[in-house]
Amino acid sequence: MKKAIKKILLVGFILFLLIQIYQPVRNIGQAPSDGFANFYNAPQQIQNILQNSCYDCHSNNTNYPAYSYIQPARYLMEKHIKEGKEELNFNDWTNYSVRKQRNKLNGIIEQIEDDKMPLDSYTLIHKNAKLSDQQKVEMINWLSAIQKQQNDR
């Protein structure tokens, strides 16, 4: 019985080592402020919130923690990043139509108001990414002001 357990552990360890070979391409590209924040001339405190709580999953430049080099954590991270960028990519903001920008602004506000972003699974590990009540108010007020400007056009 002990031999069978040792063999299972050995095979498991070898499989764990083998999956480390698979390393998806990292999401490292242009600076995250090249799109959304520059387009709206975001104040520094808003840029800090975006950088700290949004850009890892919603831009072309992720800040990877040490555990991201280990599979399967890396695979799960890349999956979340891909899904996040498909939903909203702040770097691509200027490529969005005005209608899409308005819809995305509405969505961002709703996500913040409903405490859906940043994801709980993200803030579980990245405690500093969780938005304080004050940060939520700052973001919502700033985004609402942008909405008003767009609606006045």
N, C-alpha and C. Protein backbone atom coordinates (compact mmCIF):
# COMPACT_ATOMS: atom_id res chain seq x y z
N MET A 1 0.81 -1.19 0.00
CA MET A 1 0.00 0.00 0.00
C MET A 1 0.87 1.27 0.00
N LYS A 2 1.93 1.27 0.80
CA LYS A 2 2.81 2.43 0.86
C LYS A 2 3.51 2.66 -0.47
N LYS A 3 3.85 1.56 -1.17
CA LYS A 3 4.49 1.70 -2.48
C LYS A 3 3.55 2.35 -3.48
N ALA A 4 2.29 2.00 -3.44
CA ALA A 4 1.30 2.58 -4.36
C ALA A 4 1.15 4.08 -4.10
N ILE A 5 1.12 4.47 -2.84
CA ILE A 5 1.01 5.89 -2.49
C ILE A 5 2.24 6.64 -2.95
N LYS A 6 3.42 6.06 -2.76
CA LYS A 6 4.65 6.70 -3.21
C LYS A 6 4.66 6.87 -4.73
N LYS A 7 4.19 5.85 -5.46
CA LYS A 7 4.14 5.94 -6.92
C LYS A 7 3.17 7.03 -7.36
N ILE A 8 2.02 7.09 -6.70
CA ILE A 8 1.03 8.11 -7.05
C ILE A 8 1.61 9.50 -6.79
N LEU A 9 2.26 9.69 -5.66
CA LEU A 9 2.88 10.98 -5.35
C LEU A 9 3.98 11.33 -6.34
N LEU A 10 4.78 10.34 -6.71
CA LEU A 10 5.85 10.58 -7.67
C LEU A 10 5.29 10.97 -9.03
N VAL A 11 4.28 10.25 -9.50
CA VAL A 11 3.65 10.58 -10.79
C VAL A 11 3.02 11.97 -10.72
N GLY A 12 2.35 12.27 -9.61
CA GLY A 12 1.76 13.60 -9.43
C GLY A 12 2.81 14.69 -9.47
N PHE A 13 3.93 14.46 -8.80
CA PHE A 13 5.01 15.45 -8.79
C PHE A 13 5.60 15.63 -10.19
N ILE A 14 5.78 14.56 -10.91
CA ILE A 14 6.31 14.64 -12.28
C ILE A 14 5.34 15.40 -13.18
N LEU A 15 4.05 15.12 -13.05
CA LEU A 15 3.05 15.84 -13.84
C LEU A 15 3.05 17.33 -13.50
N PHE A 16 3.19 17.63 -12.19
CA PHE A 16 3.26 19.02 -11.77
C PHE A 16 4.46 19.72 -12.43
N LEU A 17 5.59 19.04 -12.45
CA LEU A 17 6.78 19.62 -13.09
C LEU A 17 6.58 19.80 -14.59
N LEU A 18 5.95 18.83 -15.22
CA LEU A 18 5.74 18.90 -16.67
C LEU A 18 4.81 20.05 -17.06
N ILE A 19 3.77 20.32 -16.26
CA ILE A 19 2.87 21.40 -16.64
C ILE A 19 3.54 22.76 -16.47
N GLN A 20 4.66 22.81 -15.79
CA GLN A 20 5.38 24.08 -15.65
C GLN A 20 6.00 24.52 -16.98
N ILE A 21 6.14 23.58 -17.90
CA ILE A 21 6.71 23.91 -19.20
C ILE A 21 5.78 24.86 -19.96
N TYR A 22 4.48 24.67 -19.79
CA TYR A 22 3.51 25.52 -20.47
C TYR A 22 3.45 26.88 -19.78
N GLN A 23 3.93 27.90 -20.45
CA GLN A 23 3.92 29.27 -19.92
C GLN A 23 3.32 30.18 -20.99
N PRO A 24 2.04 30.55 -20.83
CA PRO A 24 1.40 31.43 -21.82
C PRO A 24 2.12 32.76 -21.93
N VAL A 25 1.93 33.42 -23.05
CA VAL A 25 2.53 34.72 -23.27
C VAL A 25 1.97 35.69 -22.23
N ARG A 26 2.85 36.48 -21.68
CA ARG A 26 2.43 37.44 -20.64
C ARG A 26 1.78 38.66 -21.27
N ASN A 27 0.88 39.24 -20.52
CA ASN A 27 0.15 40.44 -20.93
C ASN A 27 0.96 41.68 -20.55
N ILE A 28 2.02 41.90 -21.28
CA ILE A 28 2.88 43.05 -21.03
C ILE A 28 3.02 43.82 -22.34
N GLY A 29 2.52 45.02 -22.34
CA GLY A 29 2.55 45.82 -23.56
C GLY A 29 2.71 47.27 -23.23
N GLN A 30 1.93 48.09 -23.92
CA GLN A 30 2.02 49.53 -23.74
C GLN A 30 1.58 49.94 -22.34
N ALA A 31 2.01 51.09 -21.93
CA ALA A 31 1.65 51.61 -20.61
C ALA A 31 0.14 51.76 -20.50
N PRO A 32 -0.43 51.38 -19.37
CA PRO A 32 -1.87 51.40 -19.23
C PRO A 32 -2.51 52.78 -19.35
N SER A 33 -1.78 53.82 -19.12
CA SER A 33 -2.38 55.16 -19.17
C SER A 33 -2.52 55.69 -20.59
N ASP A 34 -2.12 54.91 -21.59
CA ASP A 34 -2.17 55.39 -22.97
C ASP A 34 -3.58 55.56 -23.53
N GLY A 35 -4.58 54.97 -22.92
CA GLY A 35 -5.93 55.04 -23.46
C GLY A 35 -6.88 55.87 -22.61
N PHE A 36 -7.60 55.20 -21.77
CA PHE A 36 -8.68 55.78 -20.98
C PHE A 36 -8.27 56.98 -20.15
N ALA A 37 -7.26 56.83 -19.32
CA ALA A 37 -6.86 57.90 -18.39
C ALA A 37 -6.40 59.15 -19.13
N ASN A 38 -5.65 58.98 -20.20
CA ASN A 38 -5.21 60.14 -20.98
C ASN A 38 -6.36 60.77 -21.76
N PHE A 39 -7.23 59.95 -22.28
CA PHE A 39 -8.36 60.43 -23.07
C PHE A 39 -9.22 61.39 -22.25
N TYR A 40 -9.42 61.06 -21.00
CA TYR A 40 -10.26 61.89 -20.12
C TYR A 40 -9.45 62.77 -19.18
N ASN A 41 -8.14 62.79 -19.35
CA ASN A 41 -7.27 63.60 -18.50
C ASN A 41 -7.57 63.34 -17.02
N ALA A 42 -7.49 62.08 -16.65
CA ALA A 42 -7.84 61.65 -15.29
C ALA A 42 -6.92 62.28 -14.25
N PRO A 43 -7.50 62.74 -13.13
CA PRO A 43 -6.66 63.24 -12.04
C PRO A 43 -5.80 62.11 -11.48
N GLN A 44 -4.74 62.48 -10.81
CA GLN A 44 -3.78 61.48 -10.32
C GLN A 44 -4.43 60.44 -9.40
N GLN A 45 -5.34 60.85 -8.52
CA GLN A 45 -5.94 59.88 -7.60
C GLN A 45 -6.79 58.85 -8.37
N ILE A 46 -7.43 59.27 -9.46
CA ILE A 46 -8.19 58.33 -10.30
C ILE A 46 -7.23 57.41 -11.03
N GLN A 47 -6.15 57.95 -11.56
CA GLN A 47 -5.14 57.11 -12.22
C GLN A 47 -4.60 56.06 -11.26
N ASN A 48 -4.37 56.45 -10.03
CA ASN A 48 -3.86 55.51 -9.02
C ASN A 48 -4.86 54.39 -8.76
N ILE A 49 -6.13 54.74 -8.67
CA ILE A 49 -7.17 53.71 -8.45
C ILE A 49 -7.21 52.76 -9.64
N LEU A 50 -7.21 53.32 -10.83
CA LEU A 50 -7.24 52.48 -12.03
C LEU A 50 -6.04 51.54 -12.08
N GLN A 51 -4.87 52.09 -11.83
CA GLN A 51 -3.64 51.31 -11.86
C GLN A 51 -3.68 50.19 -10.82
N ASN A 52 -4.13 50.52 -9.66
CA ASN A 52 -4.10 49.59 -8.54
C ASN A 52 -5.21 48.55 -8.57
N SER A 53 -6.38 48.91 -9.10
CA SER A 53 -7.54 48.03 -8.98
C SER A 53 -8.09 47.52 -10.30
N CYS A 54 -7.67 48.08 -11.43
CA CYS A 54 -8.32 47.74 -12.70
C CYS A 54 -7.38 47.21 -13.78
N TYR A 55 -6.22 47.83 -13.89
CA TYR A 55 -5.39 47.60 -15.07
C TYR A 55 -4.78 46.20 -15.18
N ASP A 56 -4.61 45.48 -14.08
CA ASP A 56 -4.03 44.15 -14.20
C ASP A 56 -4.86 43.25 -15.11
N CYS A 57 -6.18 43.41 -15.08
CA CYS A 57 -7.06 42.57 -15.90
C CYS A 57 -7.69 43.30 -17.07
N HIS A 58 -7.67 44.62 -17.05
CA HIS A 58 -8.37 45.39 -18.07
C HIS A 58 -7.45 46.34 -18.83
N SER A 59 -6.22 45.90 -19.07
CA SER A 59 -5.30 46.69 -19.89
C SER A 59 -4.33 45.74 -20.58
N ASN A 60 -3.42 46.30 -21.34
CA ASN A 60 -2.41 45.49 -22.02
C ASN A 60 -1.13 45.38 -21.22
N ASN A 61 -1.20 45.65 -19.94
CA ASN A 61 0.01 45.63 -19.13
C ASN A 61 -0.31 45.15 -17.71
N THR A 62 -0.11 43.86 -17.48
CA THR A 62 -0.38 43.26 -16.18
C THR A 62 0.87 43.25 -15.33
N ASN A 63 0.71 43.57 -14.06
CA ASN A 63 1.79 43.47 -13.09
C ASN A 63 1.70 42.08 -12.48
N TYR A 64 2.62 41.21 -12.84
CA TYR A 64 2.54 39.80 -12.43
C TYR A 64 3.21 39.56 -11.08
N PRO A 65 2.48 38.92 -10.16
CA PRO A 65 3.07 38.55 -8.87
C PRO A 65 3.93 37.30 -9.03
N ALA A 66 4.69 36.98 -8.00
CA ALA A 66 5.61 35.84 -8.06
C ALA A 66 4.89 34.52 -8.33
N TYR A 67 3.71 34.34 -7.76
CA TYR A 67 3.01 33.06 -7.93
C TYR A 67 2.54 32.83 -9.37
N SER A 68 2.60 33.85 -10.20
CA SER A 68 2.13 33.70 -11.58
C SER A 68 3.08 32.86 -12.43
N TYR A 69 4.22 32.51 -11.89
CA TYR A 69 5.16 31.67 -12.63
C TYR A 69 4.89 30.19 -12.42
N ILE A 70 3.93 29.88 -11.58
CA ILE A 70 3.63 28.49 -11.23
C ILE A 70 2.28 28.09 -11.81
N GLN A 71 2.28 26.98 -12.53
CA GLN A 71 1.03 26.43 -13.05
C GLN A 71 0.36 25.63 -11.95
N PRO A 72 -0.91 25.58 -11.85
CA PRO A 72 -1.94 26.09 -12.75
C PRO A 72 -2.35 27.53 -12.46
N ALA A 73 -1.75 28.18 -11.46
CA ALA A 73 -2.11 29.57 -11.15
C ALA A 73 -1.94 30.47 -12.37
N ARG A 74 -0.88 30.26 -13.11
CA ARG A 74 -0.60 31.08 -14.29
C ARG A 74 -1.71 30.94 -15.33
N TYR A 75 -2.13 29.72 -15.57
CA TYR A 75 -3.20 29.47 -16.54
C TYR A 75 -4.48 30.19 -16.12
N LEU A 76 -4.84 30.05 -14.85
CA LEU A 76 -6.06 30.69 -14.34
C LEU A 76 -5.98 32.21 -14.44
N MET A 77 -4.79 32.77 -14.14
CA MET A 77 -4.60 34.21 -14.27
C MET A 77 -4.79 34.67 -15.71
N GLU A 78 -4.16 33.97 -16.63
CA GLU A 78 -4.25 34.36 -18.04
C GLU A 78 -5.68 34.26 -18.54
N LYS A 79 -6.41 33.27 -18.05
CA LYS A 79 -7.82 33.13 -18.43
C LYS A 79 -8.62 34.34 -17.94
N HIS A 80 -8.41 34.74 -16.69
CA HIS A 80 -9.10 35.91 -16.14
C HIS A 80 -8.72 37.18 -16.90
N ILE A 81 -7.45 37.33 -17.21
CA ILE A 81 -6.98 38.52 -17.93
C ILE A 81 -7.61 38.58 -19.32
N LYS A 82 -7.62 37.46 -20.00
CA LYS A 82 -8.21 37.41 -21.34
C LYS A 82 -9.69 37.79 -21.29
N GLU A 83 -10.42 37.22 -20.34
CA GLU A 83 -11.84 37.54 -20.21
C GLU A 83 -12.04 39.00 -19.84
N GLY A 84 -11.19 39.52 -18.94
CA GLY A 84 -11.30 40.91 -18.54
C GLY A 84 -11.07 41.86 -19.70
N LYS A 85 -10.05 41.57 -20.51
CA LYS A 85 -9.74 42.44 -21.65
C LYS A 85 -10.81 42.35 -22.73
N GLU A 86 -11.43 41.18 -22.88
CA GLU A 86 -12.51 41.06 -23.86
C GLU A 86 -13.70 41.92 -23.46
N GLU A 87 -13.95 42.02 -22.16
CA GLU A 87 -15.06 42.83 -21.66
C GLU A 87 -14.74 44.32 -21.71
N LEU A 88 -13.54 44.68 -21.29
CA LEU A 88 -13.13 46.08 -21.25
C LEU A 88 -11.61 46.14 -21.24
N ASN A 89 -11.06 46.87 -22.21
CA ASN A 89 -9.62 47.09 -22.25
C ASN A 89 -9.39 48.60 -22.28
N PHE A 90 -8.88 49.13 -21.17
CA PHE A 90 -8.67 50.57 -21.07
C PHE A 90 -7.69 51.08 -22.12
N ASN A 91 -6.76 50.25 -22.56
CA ASN A 91 -5.82 50.68 -23.60
C ASN A 91 -6.52 50.89 -24.94
N ASP A 92 -7.60 50.17 -25.17
CA ASP A 92 -8.31 50.25 -26.45
C ASP A 92 -9.45 51.27 -26.42
N TRP A 93 -9.54 52.04 -25.35
CA TRP A 93 -10.67 52.95 -25.17
C TRP A 93 -10.88 53.87 -26.37
N THR A 94 -9.82 54.42 -26.91
CA THR A 94 -9.96 55.36 -28.02
C THR A 94 -10.40 54.67 -29.31
N ASN A 95 -10.32 53.35 -29.36
CA ASN A 95 -10.79 52.60 -30.53
C ASN A 95 -12.28 52.28 -30.44
N TYR A 96 -12.87 52.47 -29.26
CA TYR A 96 -14.29 52.21 -29.08
C TYR A 96 -15.11 53.33 -29.70
N SER A 97 -16.26 52.99 -30.23
CA SER A 97 -17.18 54.02 -30.73
C SER A 97 -17.71 54.83 -29.55
N VAL A 98 -18.25 55.99 -29.81
CA VAL A 98 -18.80 56.84 -28.76
C VAL A 98 -19.91 56.08 -28.02
N ARG A 99 -20.72 55.37 -28.75
CA ARG A 99 -21.81 54.58 -28.15
C ARG A 99 -21.24 53.51 -27.21
N LYS A 100 -20.22 52.83 -27.67
CA LYS A 100 -19.61 51.79 -26.84
C LYS A 100 -18.96 52.40 -25.60
N GLN A 101 -18.31 53.55 -25.76
CA GLN A 101 -17.72 54.24 -24.62
C GLN A 101 -18.78 54.58 -23.59
N ARG A 102 -19.92 55.09 -24.04
CA ARG A 102 -21.02 55.42 -23.11
C ARG A 102 -21.51 54.17 -22.39
N ASN A 103 -21.69 53.11 -23.13
CA ASN A 103 -22.14 51.85 -22.51
C ASN A 103 -21.12 51.34 -21.50
N LYS A 104 -19.85 51.43 -21.85
CA LYS A 104 -18.80 50.97 -20.94
C LYS A 104 -18.74 51.83 -19.68
N LEU A 105 -18.89 53.14 -19.83
CA LEU A 105 -18.92 54.03 -18.67
C LEU A 105 -20.07 53.64 -17.73
N ASN A 106 -21.25 53.41 -18.32
CA ASN A 106 -22.39 52.95 -17.51
C ASN A 106 -22.06 51.65 -16.79
N GLY A 107 -21.45 50.73 -17.52
CA GLY A 107 -21.10 49.44 -16.95
C GLY A 107 -20.09 49.56 -15.82
N ILE A 108 -19.09 50.41 -16.00
CA ILE A 108 -18.07 50.60 -14.96
C ILE A 108 -18.72 51.14 -13.69
N ILE A 109 -19.57 52.14 -13.85
CA ILE A 109 -20.25 52.72 -12.69
C ILE A 109 -21.09 51.65 -11.98
N GLU A 110 -21.86 50.89 -12.75
CA GLU A 110 -22.70 49.84 -12.16
C GLU A 110 -21.86 48.79 -11.43
N GLN A 111 -20.76 48.40 -12.03
CA GLN A 111 -19.89 47.39 -11.41
C GLN A 111 -19.33 47.89 -10.08
N ILE A 112 -18.95 49.15 -10.04
CA ILE A 112 -18.41 49.72 -8.80
C ILE A 112 -19.52 49.84 -7.76
N GLU A 113 -20.67 50.36 -8.17
CA GLU A 113 -21.79 50.52 -7.23
C GLU A 113 -22.24 49.19 -6.64
N ASP A 114 -22.22 48.14 -7.45
CA ASP A 114 -22.68 46.82 -7.01
C ASP A 114 -21.57 45.98 -6.38
N ASP A 115 -20.39 46.58 -6.17
CA ASP A 115 -19.24 45.88 -5.58
C ASP A 115 -18.86 44.62 -6.36
N LYS A 116 -19.01 44.67 -7.67
CA LYS A 116 -18.65 43.51 -8.51
C LYS A 116 -17.22 43.61 -9.04
N MET A 117 -16.67 44.82 -9.00
CA MET A 117 -15.30 45.03 -9.45
C MET A 117 -14.57 45.85 -8.42
N PRO A 118 -13.30 45.55 -8.20
CA PRO A 118 -12.59 44.37 -8.69
C PRO A 118 -13.16 43.09 -8.08
N LEU A 119 -12.93 42.00 -8.78
CA LEU A 119 -13.45 40.69 -8.36
C LEU A 119 -12.96 40.31 -6.98
N ASP A 120 -13.83 39.63 -6.24
CA ASP A 120 -13.44 39.15 -4.91
C ASP A 120 -12.24 38.21 -4.98
N SER A 121 -12.18 37.39 -6.03
CA SER A 121 -11.07 36.46 -6.17
C SER A 121 -9.75 37.21 -6.36
N TYR A 122 -9.80 38.41 -6.93
CA TYR A 122 -8.61 39.23 -7.11
C TYR A 122 -8.23 39.92 -5.81
N THR A 123 -9.21 40.52 -5.14
CA THR A 123 -8.92 41.26 -3.91
C THR A 123 -8.59 40.34 -2.75
N LEU A 124 -8.92 39.07 -2.87
CA LEU A 124 -8.54 38.10 -1.84
C LEU A 124 -7.03 38.05 -1.69
N ILE A 125 -6.34 38.11 -2.80
CA ILE A 125 -4.87 38.06 -2.80
C ILE A 125 -4.27 39.47 -2.85
N HIS A 126 -4.92 40.36 -3.56
CA HIS A 126 -4.44 41.74 -3.71
C HIS A 126 -5.31 42.65 -2.84
N LYS A 127 -5.07 42.65 -1.57
CA LYS A 127 -5.89 43.39 -0.59
C LYS A 127 -5.94 44.88 -0.91
N ASN A 128 -4.84 45.43 -1.40
CA ASN A 128 -4.80 46.86 -1.67
C ASN A 128 -5.61 47.27 -2.90
N ALA A 129 -6.11 46.30 -3.67
CA ALA A 129 -6.91 46.61 -4.85
C ALA A 129 -8.38 46.83 -4.51
N LYS A 130 -8.80 46.39 -3.34
CA LYS A 130 -10.19 46.58 -2.93
C LYS A 130 -10.46 48.08 -2.76
N LEU A 131 -11.55 48.53 -3.36
CA LEU A 131 -11.88 49.95 -3.30
C LEU A 131 -12.51 50.30 -1.96
N SER A 132 -12.00 51.36 -1.36
CA SER A 132 -12.61 51.88 -0.13
C SER A 132 -13.90 52.61 -0.52
N ASP A 133 -14.71 52.90 0.45
CA ASP A 133 -15.94 53.65 0.19
C ASP A 133 -15.61 55.01 -0.44
N GLN A 134 -14.57 55.64 0.06
CA GLN A 134 -14.16 56.94 -0.47
C GLN A 134 -13.71 56.82 -1.94
N GLN A 135 -12.95 55.78 -2.25
CA GLN A 135 -12.49 55.57 -3.63
C GLN A 135 -13.67 55.30 -4.56
N LYS A 136 -14.65 54.53 -4.08
CA LYS A 136 -15.85 54.27 -4.88
C LYS A 136 -16.56 55.58 -5.20
N VAL A 137 -16.73 56.43 -4.20
CA VAL A 137 -17.40 57.72 -4.40
C VAL A 137 -16.60 58.56 -5.40
N GLU A 138 -15.28 58.61 -5.24
CA GLU A 138 -14.43 59.39 -6.16
C GLU A 138 -14.58 58.89 -7.59
N MET A 139 -14.51 57.59 -7.76
CA MET A 139 -14.61 57.01 -9.11
C MET A 139 -15.99 57.28 -9.70
N ILE A 140 -17.03 57.03 -8.94
CA ILE A 140 -18.39 57.20 -9.46
C ILE A 140 -18.65 58.66 -9.79
N ASN A 141 -18.22 59.58 -8.94
CA ASN A 141 -18.42 61.01 -9.22
C ASN A 141 -17.67 61.43 -10.47
N TRP A 142 -16.42 60.97 -10.60
CA TRP A 142 -15.61 61.33 -11.76
C TRP A 142 -16.21 60.75 -13.04
N LEU A 143 -16.59 59.48 -12.99
CA LEU A 143 -17.18 58.83 -14.17
C LEU A 143 -18.52 59.45 -14.53
N SER A 144 -19.30 59.82 -13.53
CA SER A 144 -20.60 60.46 -13.78
C SER A 144 -20.41 61.83 -14.44
N ALA A 145 -19.37 62.54 -14.03
CA ALA A 145 -19.07 63.84 -14.65
C ALA A 145 -18.70 63.65 -16.12
N ILE A 146 -17.95 62.60 -16.42
CA ILE A 146 -17.61 62.29 -17.81
C ILE A 146 -18.87 61.98 -18.60
N GLN A 147 -19.75 61.18 -18.00
CA GLN A 147 -21.01 60.86 -18.67
C GLN A 147 -21.80 62.12 -18.99
N LYS A 148 -21.87 63.01 -18.04
CA LYS A 148 -22.62 64.26 -18.23
C LYS A 148 -22.02 65.07 -19.39
N GLN A 149 -20.68 65.13 -19.42
CA GLN A 149 -20.02 65.86 -20.52
C GLN A 149 -20.37 65.23 -21.87
N GLN A 150 -20.36 63.91 -21.92
CA GLN A 150 -20.66 63.22 -23.18
C GLN A 150 -22.12 63.44 -23.57
N ASN A 151 -23.01 63.44 -22.61
CA ASN A 151 -24.43 63.63 -22.92
C ASN A 151 -24.74 65.06 -23.36
N ASP A 152 -23.92 66.02 -22.90
CA ASP A 152 -24.10 67.41 -23.27
C ASP A 152 -23.61 67.71 -24.68
N ARG A 153 -22.87 66.78 -25.25
CA ARG A 153 -22.33 66.99 -26.61
C ARG A 153 -23.40 66.85 -27.65
